[in-house]
Amino acid sequence: MADVKEKIREQVLAVRAKGITNMFDFPMVQRIAFDSGYYELVTFTEEHRKEYSHLILTGEFPENFEL
């Protein structure tokens, strides 16, 4: 699942690079991700909010986190 985690990390960086929203505005991040075709990120932010927040703050997934 490392490939999926890396894909999600890349999608987070792509949304952030757009500079449209605060990355903690979950609904807006999901909208931008959906409109950009980043469906893995949409699902991740919906199902794993705590882990998403950790990723945003540290740039890493939490220890022992598996999808």
PDB file of N, CA and C in Angstrom:
ATOM      1  N   MET A   1       0.799  -1.217   0.000  1.00  0.00           N
ATOM      2  CA  MET A   1       0.000   0.000   0.000  1.00  0.00           C
ATOM      3  C   MET A   1       0.839   1.277   0.000  1.00  0.00           C
ATOM      4  N   ALA A   2       2.142   1.110  -0.033  1.00  0.00           N
ATOM      5  CA  ALA A   2       3.011   2.284  -0.066  1.00  0.00           C
ATOM      6  C   ALA A   2       2.742   3.118  -1.314  1.00  0.00           C
ATOM      7  N   ASP A   3       2.378   2.469  -2.405  1.00  0.00           N
ATOM      8  CA  ASP A   3       2.078   3.197  -3.636  1.00  0.00           C
ATOM      9  C   ASP A   3       0.873   4.112  -3.460  1.00  0.00           C
ATOM     10  N   VAL A   4      -0.149   3.624  -2.765  1.00  0.00           N
ATOM     11  CA  VAL A   4      -1.353   4.427  -2.529  1.00  0.00           C
ATOM     12  C   VAL A   4      -1.020   5.594  -1.609  1.00  0.00           C
ATOM     13  N   LYS A   5      -0.235   5.330  -0.579  1.00  0.00           N
ATOM     14  CA  LYS A   5       0.147   6.407   0.335  1.00  0.00           C
ATOM     15  C   LYS A   5       0.960   7.480  -0.397  1.00  0.00           C
ATOM     16  N   GLU A   6       1.866   7.071  -1.254  1.00  0.00           N
ATOM     17  CA  GLU A   6       2.654   8.037  -2.009  1.00  0.00           C
ATOM     18  C   GLU A   6       1.761   8.828  -2.970  1.00  0.00           C
ATOM     19  N   LYS A   7       0.801   8.161  -3.575  1.00  0.00           N
ATOM     20  CA  LYS A   7      -0.137   8.835  -4.480  1.00  0.00           C
ATOM     21  C   LYS A   7      -0.952   9.883  -3.712  1.00  0.00           C
ATOM     22  N   ILE A   8      -1.413   9.530  -2.515  1.00  0.00           N
ATOM     23  CA  ILE A   8      -2.172  10.479  -1.691  1.00  0.00           C
ATOM     24  C   ILE A   8      -1.292  11.662  -1.304  1.00  0.00           C
ATOM     25  N   ARG A   9      -0.056  11.390  -0.924  1.00  0.00           N
ATOM     26  CA  ARG A   9       0.869  12.477  -0.561  1.00  0.00           C
ATOM     27  C   ARG A   9       1.054  13.427  -1.754  1.00  0.00           C
ATOM     28  N   GLU A  10       1.235  12.877  -2.945  1.00  0.00           N
ATOM     29  CA  GLU A  10       1.386  13.698  -4.153  1.00  0.00           C
ATOM     30  C   GLU A  10       0.135  14.517  -4.430  1.00  0.00           C
ATOM     31  N   GLN A  11      -1.035  13.922  -4.203  1.00  0.00           N
ATOM     32  CA  GLN A  11      -2.294  14.633  -4.422  1.00  0.00           C
ATOM     33  C   GLN A  11      -2.456  15.773  -3.416  1.00  0.00           C
ATOM     34  N   VAL A  12      -2.061  15.532  -2.163  1.00  0.00           N
ATOM     35  CA  VAL A  12      -2.102  16.599  -1.151  1.00  0.00           C
ATOM     36  C   VAL A  12      -1.214  17.755  -1.596  1.00  0.00           C
ATOM     37  N   LEU A  13      -0.026  17.455  -2.033  1.00  0.00           N
ATOM     38  CA  LEU A  13       0.897  18.504  -2.478  1.00  0.00           C
ATOM     39  C   LEU A  13       0.348  19.261  -3.682  1.00  0.00           C
ATOM     40  N   ALA A  14      -0.320  18.545  -4.580  1.00  0.00           N
ATOM     41  CA  ALA A  14      -0.893  19.198  -5.763  1.00  0.00           C
ATOM     42  C   ALA A  14      -2.021  20.149  -5.374  1.00  0.00           C
ATOM     43  N   VAL A  15      -2.876  19.728  -4.447  1.00  0.00           N
ATOM     44  CA  VAL A  15      -3.967  20.606  -3.985  1.00  0.00           C
ATOM     45  C   VAL A  15      -3.369  21.814  -3.270  1.00  0.00           C
ATOM     46  N   ARG A  16      -2.395  21.583  -2.420  1.00  0.00           N
ATOM     47  CA  ARG A  16      -1.750  22.687  -1.702  1.00  0.00           C
ATOM     48  C   ARG A  16      -1.113  23.672  -2.671  1.00  0.00           C
ATOM     49  N   ALA A  17      -0.482  23.170  -3.730  1.00  0.00           N
ATOM     50  CA  ALA A  17       0.194  24.032  -4.699  1.00  0.00           C
ATOM     51  C   ALA A  17      -0.774  24.946  -5.434  1.00  0.00           C
ATOM     52  N   LYS A  18      -2.025  24.550  -5.520  1.00  0.00           N
ATOM     53  CA  LYS A  18      -3.027  25.415  -6.169  1.00  0.00           C
ATOM     54  C   LYS A  18      -3.244  26.701  -5.380  1.00  0.00           C
ATOM     55  N   GLY A  19      -3.033  26.648  -4.055  1.00  0.00           N
ATOM     56  CA  GLY A  19      -3.146  27.842  -3.220  1.00  0.00           C
ATOM     57  C   GLY A  19      -4.554  28.388  -3.098  1.00  0.00           C
ATOM     58  N   ILE A  20      -5.544  27.548  -3.289  1.00  0.00           N
ATOM     59  CA  ILE A  20      -6.936  28.004  -3.292  1.00  0.00           C
ATOM     60  C   ILE A  20      -7.546  28.035  -1.897  1.00  0.00           C
ATOM     61  N   THR A  21      -7.137  27.099  -1.024  1.00  0.00           N
ATOM     62  CA  THR A  21      -7.817  26.961   0.257  1.00  0.00           C
ATOM     63  C   THR A  21      -6.851  26.587   1.368  1.00  0.00           C
ATOM     64  N   ASN A  22      -7.300  26.791   2.586  1.00  0.00           N
ATOM     65  CA  ASN A  22      -6.615  26.285   3.762  1.00  0.00           C
ATOM     66  C   ASN A  22      -6.736  24.768   3.727  1.00  0.00           C
ATOM     67  N   MET A  23      -5.656  24.057   3.940  1.00  0.00           N
ATOM     68  CA  MET A  23      -5.673  22.601   3.823  1.00  0.00           C
ATOM     69  C   MET A  23      -6.468  21.920   4.931  1.00  0.00           C
ATOM     70  N   PHE A  24      -6.891  22.682   5.949  1.00  0.00           N
ATOM     71  CA  PHE A  24      -7.748  22.123   6.991  1.00  0.00           C
ATOM     72  C   PHE A  24      -9.230  22.385   6.727  1.00  0.00           C
ATOM     73  N   ASP A  25      -9.539  23.022   5.619  1.00  0.00           N
ATOM     74  CA  ASP A  25     -10.930  23.204   5.186  1.00  0.00           C
ATOM     75  C   ASP A  25     -11.316  21.938   4.413  1.00  0.00           C
ATOM     76  N   PHE A  26     -11.700  20.904   5.169  1.00  0.00           N
ATOM     77  CA  PHE A  26     -11.924  19.581   4.589  1.00  0.00           C
ATOM     78  C   PHE A  26     -12.887  19.586   3.400  1.00  0.00           C
ATOM     79  N   PRO A  27     -14.053  20.227   3.508  1.00  0.00           N
ATOM     80  CA  PRO A  27     -14.972  20.199   2.360  1.00  0.00           C
ATOM     81  C   PRO A  27     -14.365  20.836   1.099  1.00  0.00           C
ATOM     82  N   MET A  28     -13.634  21.912   1.270  1.00  0.00           N
ATOM     83  CA  MET A  28     -13.039  22.567   0.103  1.00  0.00           C
ATOM     84  C   MET A  28     -11.900  21.732  -0.485  1.00  0.00           C
ATOM     85  N   VAL A  29     -11.093  21.133   0.387  1.00  0.00           N
ATOM     86  CA  VAL A  29     -10.030  20.247  -0.096  1.00  0.00           C
ATOM     87  C   VAL A  29     -10.649  19.092  -0.873  1.00  0.00           C
ATOM     88  N   GLN A  30     -11.739  18.535  -0.353  1.00  0.00           N
ATOM     89  CA  GLN A  30     -12.411  17.439  -1.048  1.00  0.00           C
ATOM     90  C   GLN A  30     -12.965  17.891  -2.395  1.00  0.00           C
ATOM     91  N   ARG A  31     -13.515  19.078  -2.456  1.00  0.00           N
ATOM     92  CA  ARG A  31     -14.064  19.597  -3.712  1.00  0.00           C
ATOM     93  C   ARG A  31     -12.961  19.778  -4.743  1.00  0.00           C
ATOM     94  N   ILE A  32     -11.852  20.395  -4.334  1.00  0.00           N
ATOM     95  CA  ILE A  32     -10.727  20.608  -5.247  1.00  0.00           C
ATOM     96  C   ILE A  32     -10.172  19.258  -5.706  1.00  0.00           C
ATOM     97  N   ALA A  33     -10.025  18.331  -4.761  1.00  0.00           N
ATOM     98  CA  ALA A  33      -9.507  17.002  -5.099  1.00  0.00           C
ATOM     99  C   ALA A  33     -10.440  16.303  -6.086  1.00  0.00           C
ATOM    100  N   PHE A  34     -11.729  16.351  -5.834  1.00  0.00           N
ATOM    101  CA  PHE A  34     -12.696  15.713  -6.728  1.00  0.00           C
ATOM    102  C   PHE A  34     -12.627  16.324  -8.121  1.00  0.00           C
ATOM    103  N   ASP A  35     -12.640  17.650  -8.174  1.00  0.00           N
ATOM    104  CA  ASP A  35     -12.598  18.344  -9.466  1.00  0.00           C
ATOM    105  C   ASP A  35     -11.299  18.061 -10.223  1.00  0.00           C
ATOM    106  N   SER A  36     -10.244  17.733  -9.486  1.00  0.00           N
ATOM    107  CA  SER A  36      -8.941  17.442 -10.100  1.00  0.00           C
ATOM    108  C   SER A  36      -8.755  15.961 -10.411  1.00  0.00           C
ATOM    109  N   GLY A  37      -9.746  15.139 -10.042  1.00  0.00           N
ATOM    110  CA  GLY A  37      -9.647  13.707 -10.296  1.00  0.00           C
ATOM    111  C   GLY A  37      -8.831  12.955  -9.261  1.00  0.00           C
ATOM    112  N   TYR A  38      -8.631  13.574  -8.085  1.00  0.00           N
ATOM    113  CA  TYR A  38      -7.848  12.951  -7.012  1.00  0.00           C
ATOM    114  C   TYR A  38      -8.785  12.194  -6.079  1.00  0.00           C
ATOM    115  N   TYR A  39      -9.374  11.141  -6.573  1.00  0.00           N
ATOM    116  CA  TYR A  39     -10.408  10.423  -5.831  1.00  0.00           C
ATOM    117  C   TYR A  39      -9.856   9.699  -4.608  1.00  0.00           C
ATOM    118  N   GLU A  40      -8.591   9.286  -4.657  1.00  0.00           N
ATOM    119  CA  GLU A  40      -7.975   8.666  -3.485  1.00  0.00           C
ATOM    120  C   GLU A  40      -7.911   9.658  -2.327  1.00  0.00           C
ATOM    121  N   LEU A  41      -7.599  10.903  -2.636  1.00  0.00           N
ATOM    122  CA  LEU A  41      -7.534  11.937  -1.598  1.00  0.00           C
ATOM    123  C   LEU A  41      -8.918  12.241  -1.049  1.00  0.00           C
ATOM    124  N   VAL A  42      -9.925  12.272  -1.897  1.00  0.00           N
ATOM    125  CA  VAL A  42     -11.299  12.501  -1.437  1.00  0.00           C
ATOM    126  C   VAL A  42     -11.677  11.430  -0.417  1.00  0.00           C
ATOM    127  N   THR A  43     -11.431  10.186  -0.754  1.00  0.00           N
ATOM    128  CA  THR A  43     -11.763   9.076   0.139  1.00  0.00           C
ATOM    129  C   THR A  43     -10.934   9.136   1.412  1.00  0.00           C
ATOM    130  N   PHE A  44      -9.650   9.414   1.277  1.00  0.00           N
ATOM    131  CA  PHE A  44      -8.769   9.477   2.439  1.00  0.00           C
ATOM    132  C   PHE A  44      -9.213  10.547   3.419  1.00  0.00           C
ATOM    133  N   THR A  45      -9.551  11.746   2.931  1.00  0.00           N
ATOM    134  CA  THR A  45      -9.963  12.819   3.837  1.00  0.00           C
ATOM    135  C   THR A  45     -11.295  12.507   4.503  1.00  0.00           C
ATOM    136  N   GLU A  46     -12.137  11.750   3.844  1.00  0.00           N
ATOM    137  CA  GLU A  46     -13.434  11.384   4.418  1.00  0.00           C
ATOM    138  C   GLU A  46     -13.289  10.309   5.489  1.00  0.00           C
ATOM    139  N   GLU A  47     -12.449   9.320   5.236  1.00  0.00           N
ATOM    140  CA  GLU A  47     -12.357   8.153   6.114  1.00  0.00           C
ATOM    141  C   GLU A  47     -11.259   8.250   7.170  1.00  0.00           C
ATOM    142  N   HIS A  48     -10.295   9.161   6.977  1.00  0.00           N
ATOM    143  CA  HIS A  48      -9.133   9.213   7.871  1.00  0.00           C
ATOM    144  C   HIS A  48      -8.768  10.667   8.201  1.00  0.00           C
ATOM    145  N   ARG A  49      -9.680  11.391   8.801  1.00  0.00           N
ATOM    146  CA  ARG A  49      -9.434  12.818   9.083  1.00  0.00           C
ATOM    147  C   ARG A  49      -8.232  13.032   9.991  1.00  0.00           C
ATOM    148  N   LYS A  50      -8.136  12.238  11.039  1.00  0.00           N
ATOM    149  CA  LYS A  50      -7.023  12.400  11.978  1.00  0.00           C
ATOM    150  C   LYS A  50      -5.686  12.169  11.270  1.00  0.00           C
ATOM    151  N   GLU A  51      -5.617  11.136  10.460  1.00  0.00           N
ATOM    152  CA  GLU A  51      -4.389  10.828   9.739  1.00  0.00           C
ATOM    153  C   GLU A  51      -4.083  11.883   8.674  1.00  0.00           C
ATOM    154  N   TYR A  52      -5.132  12.412   8.048  1.00  0.00           N
ATOM    155  CA  TYR A  52      -4.955  13.494   7.073  1.00  0.00           C
ATOM    156  C   TYR A  52      -4.356  14.720   7.771  1.00  0.00           C
ATOM    157  N   SER A  53      -4.893  15.062   8.937  1.00  0.00           N
ATOM    158  CA  SER A  53      -4.367  16.210   9.690  1.00  0.00           C
ATOM    159  C   SER A  53      -2.904  16.000  10.045  1.00  0.00           C
ATOM    160  N   HIS A  54      -2.572  14.795  10.458  1.00  0.00           N
ATOM    161  CA  HIS A  54      -1.175  14.474  10.782  1.00  0.00           C
ATOM    162  C   HIS A  54      -0.301  14.646   9.537  1.00  0.00           C
ATOM    163  N   LEU A  55      -0.772  14.182   8.404  1.00  0.00           N
ATOM    164  CA  LEU A  55      -0.034  14.312   7.148  1.00  0.00           C
ATOM    165  C   LEU A  55       0.190  15.781   6.795  1.00  0.00           C
ATOM    166  N   ILE A  56      -0.820  16.598   6.974  1.00  0.00           N
ATOM    167  CA  ILE A  56      -0.703  18.025   6.664  1.00  0.00           C
ATOM    168  C   ILE A  56       0.306  18.702   7.588  1.00  0.00           C
ATOM    169  N   LEU A  57       0.269  18.363   8.867  1.00  0.00           N
ATOM    170  CA  LEU A  57       1.143  19.015   9.847  1.00  0.00           C
ATOM    171  C   LEU A  57       2.600  18.553   9.757  1.00  0.00           C
ATOM    172  N   THR A  58       2.814  17.287   9.439  1.00  0.00           N
ATOM    173  CA  THR A  58       4.170  16.733   9.505  1.00  0.00           C
ATOM    174  C   THR A  58       4.761  16.346   8.151  1.00  0.00           C
ATOM    175  N   GLY A  59       3.910  16.172   7.155  1.00  0.00           N
ATOM    176  CA  GLY A  59       4.378  15.701   5.867  1.00  0.00           C
ATOM    177  C   GLY A  59       4.530  14.190   5.804  1.00  0.00           C
ATOM    178  N   GLU A  60       4.152  13.527   6.882  1.00  0.00           N
ATOM    179  CA  GLU A  60       4.280  12.071   6.975  1.00  0.00           C
ATOM    180  C   GLU A  60       2.971  11.464   7.455  1.00  0.00           C
ATOM    181  N   PHE A  61       2.759  10.212   7.110  1.00  0.00           N
ATOM    182  CA  PHE A  61       1.626   9.475   7.666  1.00  0.00           C
ATOM    183  C   PHE A  61       1.989   9.064   9.097  1.00  0.00           C
ATOM    184  N   PRO A  62       1.006   8.896   9.971  1.00  0.00           N
ATOM    185  CA  PRO A  62       1.307   8.447  11.337  1.00  0.00           C
ATOM    186  C   PRO A  62       2.026   7.094  11.327  1.00  0.00           C
ATOM    187  N   GLU A  63       2.828   6.873  12.354  1.00  0.00           N
ATOM    188  CA  GLU A  63       3.511   5.585  12.503  1.00  0.00           C
ATOM    189  C   GLU A  63       2.508   4.455  12.482  1.00  0.00           C
ATOM    190  N   ASN A  64       2.860   3.364  11.853  1.00  0.00           N
ATOM    191  CA  ASN A  64       2.049   2.150  11.806  1.00  0.00           C
ATOM    192  C   ASN A  64       0.704   2.331  11.112  1.00  0.00           C
ATOM    193  N   PHE A  65       0.515   3.415  10.378  1.00  0.00           N
ATOM    194  CA  PHE A  65      -0.739   3.614   9.656  1.00  0.00           C
ATOM    195  C   PHE A  65      -0.704   2.844   8.345  1.00  0.00           C
ATOM    196  N   GLU A  66      -1.720   2.050   8.125  1.00  0.00           N
ATOM    197  CA  GLU A  66      -1.839   1.294   6.882  1.00  0.00           C
ATOM    198  C   GLU A  66      -3.224   1.541   6.287  1.00  0.00           C
ATOM    199  N   LEU A  67      -3.278   1.618   5.000  1.00  0.00           N
ATOM    200  CA  LEU A  67      -4.563   1.774   4.311  1.00  0.00           C
ATOM    201  C   LEU A  67      -5.152   0.423   4.019  1.00  0.00           C
TER     202      LEU A  67
END
